[in-house]
Protein backbone atom coordinates (compact mmCIF):
# COMPACT_ATOMS: atom_id res chain seq x y z
CA UNK A 1 -47.58 -0.68 49.63
CA UNK A 2 -46.57 -4.08 48.39
CA UNK A 3 -45.66 -7.53 49.53
CA UNK A 4 -42.81 -9.45 47.94
CA UNK A 5 -43.06 -13.17 47.28
CA UNK A 6 -40.18 -15.23 45.91
CA UNK A 7 -40.76 -18.74 44.65
CA UNK A 8 -38.25 -21.53 44.71
CA UNK A 9 -37.03 -23.44 41.69
CA UNK A 10 -38.92 -26.66 41.08
CA UNK A 11 -36.28 -29.36 40.60
CA UNK A 12 -35.63 -30.73 37.13
CA UNK A 13 -38.30 -33.13 35.96
CA UNK A 14 -37.25 -36.65 34.90
CA UNK A 15 -33.65 -35.56 34.18
CA UNK A 16 -34.73 -32.98 31.60
CA UNK A 17 -34.19 -29.33 32.49
CA UNK A 18 -37.03 -26.97 33.25
CA UNK A 19 -37.59 -24.55 30.36
CA UNK A 20 -40.55 -22.56 31.67
CA UNK A 21 -42.43 -21.67 34.85
CA UNK A 22 -46.06 -20.63 35.01
CA UNK A 23 -46.80 -18.69 38.19
CA UNK A 24 -50.38 -18.01 39.25
CA UNK A 25 -51.30 -15.75 42.16
CA UNK A 26 -54.89 -16.03 43.35
CA UNK A 27 -57.06 -15.08 46.32
CA UNK A 28 -57.21 -18.16 48.54
CA UNK A 29 -60.82 -17.65 49.70
CA UNK A 30 -62.39 -17.01 46.28
CA UNK A 31 -59.93 -18.72 43.95
CA UNK A 32 -59.99 -15.58 41.80
CA UNK A 33 -56.83 -15.27 39.75
CA UNK A 34 -54.91 -12.04 40.39
CA UNK A 35 -51.84 -12.54 38.20
CA UNK A 36 -50.51 -15.17 35.78
CA UNK A 37 -47.01 -15.04 34.34
CA UNK A 38 -44.91 -17.32 32.17
CA UNK A 39 -41.20 -16.94 32.86
CA UNK A 40 -37.82 -18.61 32.95
CA UNK A 41 -36.89 -16.73 36.13
CA UNK A 42 -36.93 -18.50 39.49
CA UNK A 43 -38.14 -15.50 41.49
CA UNK A 44 -40.85 -12.91 41.05
CA UNK A 45 -42.10 -9.89 42.98
CA UNK A 46 -45.83 -9.43 43.41
CA UNK A 47 -46.69 -5.85 44.28
CA UNK A 48 -49.76 -3.85 45.31
CA UNK A 49 -51.27 -6.72 47.29
CA UNK A 50 -53.90 -6.12 49.95
CA UNK A 51 -52.88 -6.30 53.60
CA UNK A 52 -54.14 -9.14 55.82
CA UNK A 53 -55.22 -11.21 52.83
CA UNK A 54 -54.60 -14.88 52.00
CA UNK A 55 -53.00 -15.46 48.62
CA UNK A 56 -52.11 -18.75 46.97
CA UNK A 57 -49.10 -19.01 44.67
CA UNK A 58 -49.00 -21.98 42.30
CA UNK A 59 -45.79 -22.58 40.37
CA UNK A 60 -45.82 -25.08 37.53
CA UNK A 61 -42.51 -26.09 35.95
CA UNK A 62 -42.49 -27.48 32.42
CA UNK A 63 -39.59 -29.37 30.84
CA UNK A 64 -38.62 -29.74 27.17
CA UNK A 65 -40.83 -32.86 26.81
CA UNK A 66 -43.88 -31.00 28.15
CA UNK A 67 -43.90 -32.84 31.50
CA UNK A 68 -45.02 -30.69 34.41
CA UNK A 69 -44.62 -30.50 38.16
CA UNK A 70 -46.41 -28.04 40.46
CA UNK A 71 -46.02 -26.58 43.92
CA UNK A 72 -48.60 -24.53 45.77
CA UNK A 73 -48.03 -22.28 48.78
CA UNK A 74 -50.48 -20.06 50.67
CA UNK A 75 -49.34 -16.74 52.12
CA UNK A 76 -51.09 -14.36 54.50
CA UNK A 77 -50.02 -10.78 53.97
CA UNK A 78 -49.69 -8.85 57.20
CA UNK A 79 -49.42 -5.24 58.17
CA UNK A 80 -47.15 -3.61 60.73
CA UNK A 81 -47.87 0.09 60.95
CA UNK A 82 -47.52 1.37 57.41
CA UNK A 83 -45.31 -1.47 56.19
CA UNK A 84 -46.33 -4.80 54.75
CA UNK A 85 -44.02 -7.75 55.37
């Protein structure tokens, strides 16, 4: 089973385009990092997550000058029968 999380594009920083995103998935309660990726994509699928578990996704956008902006969102995975949503 898996749960899919898409992240939204962080707007351009100080008029310079975003060149990279760092996405970190961690357990909300413990802070333990589950996955870290560096990508230029604006969406990502996290799979094989535990049901009824709080996860935090932190997306950091970096522009060509090295300036950064971050967003953090917490998700609670749920279970309906045999399907996660």
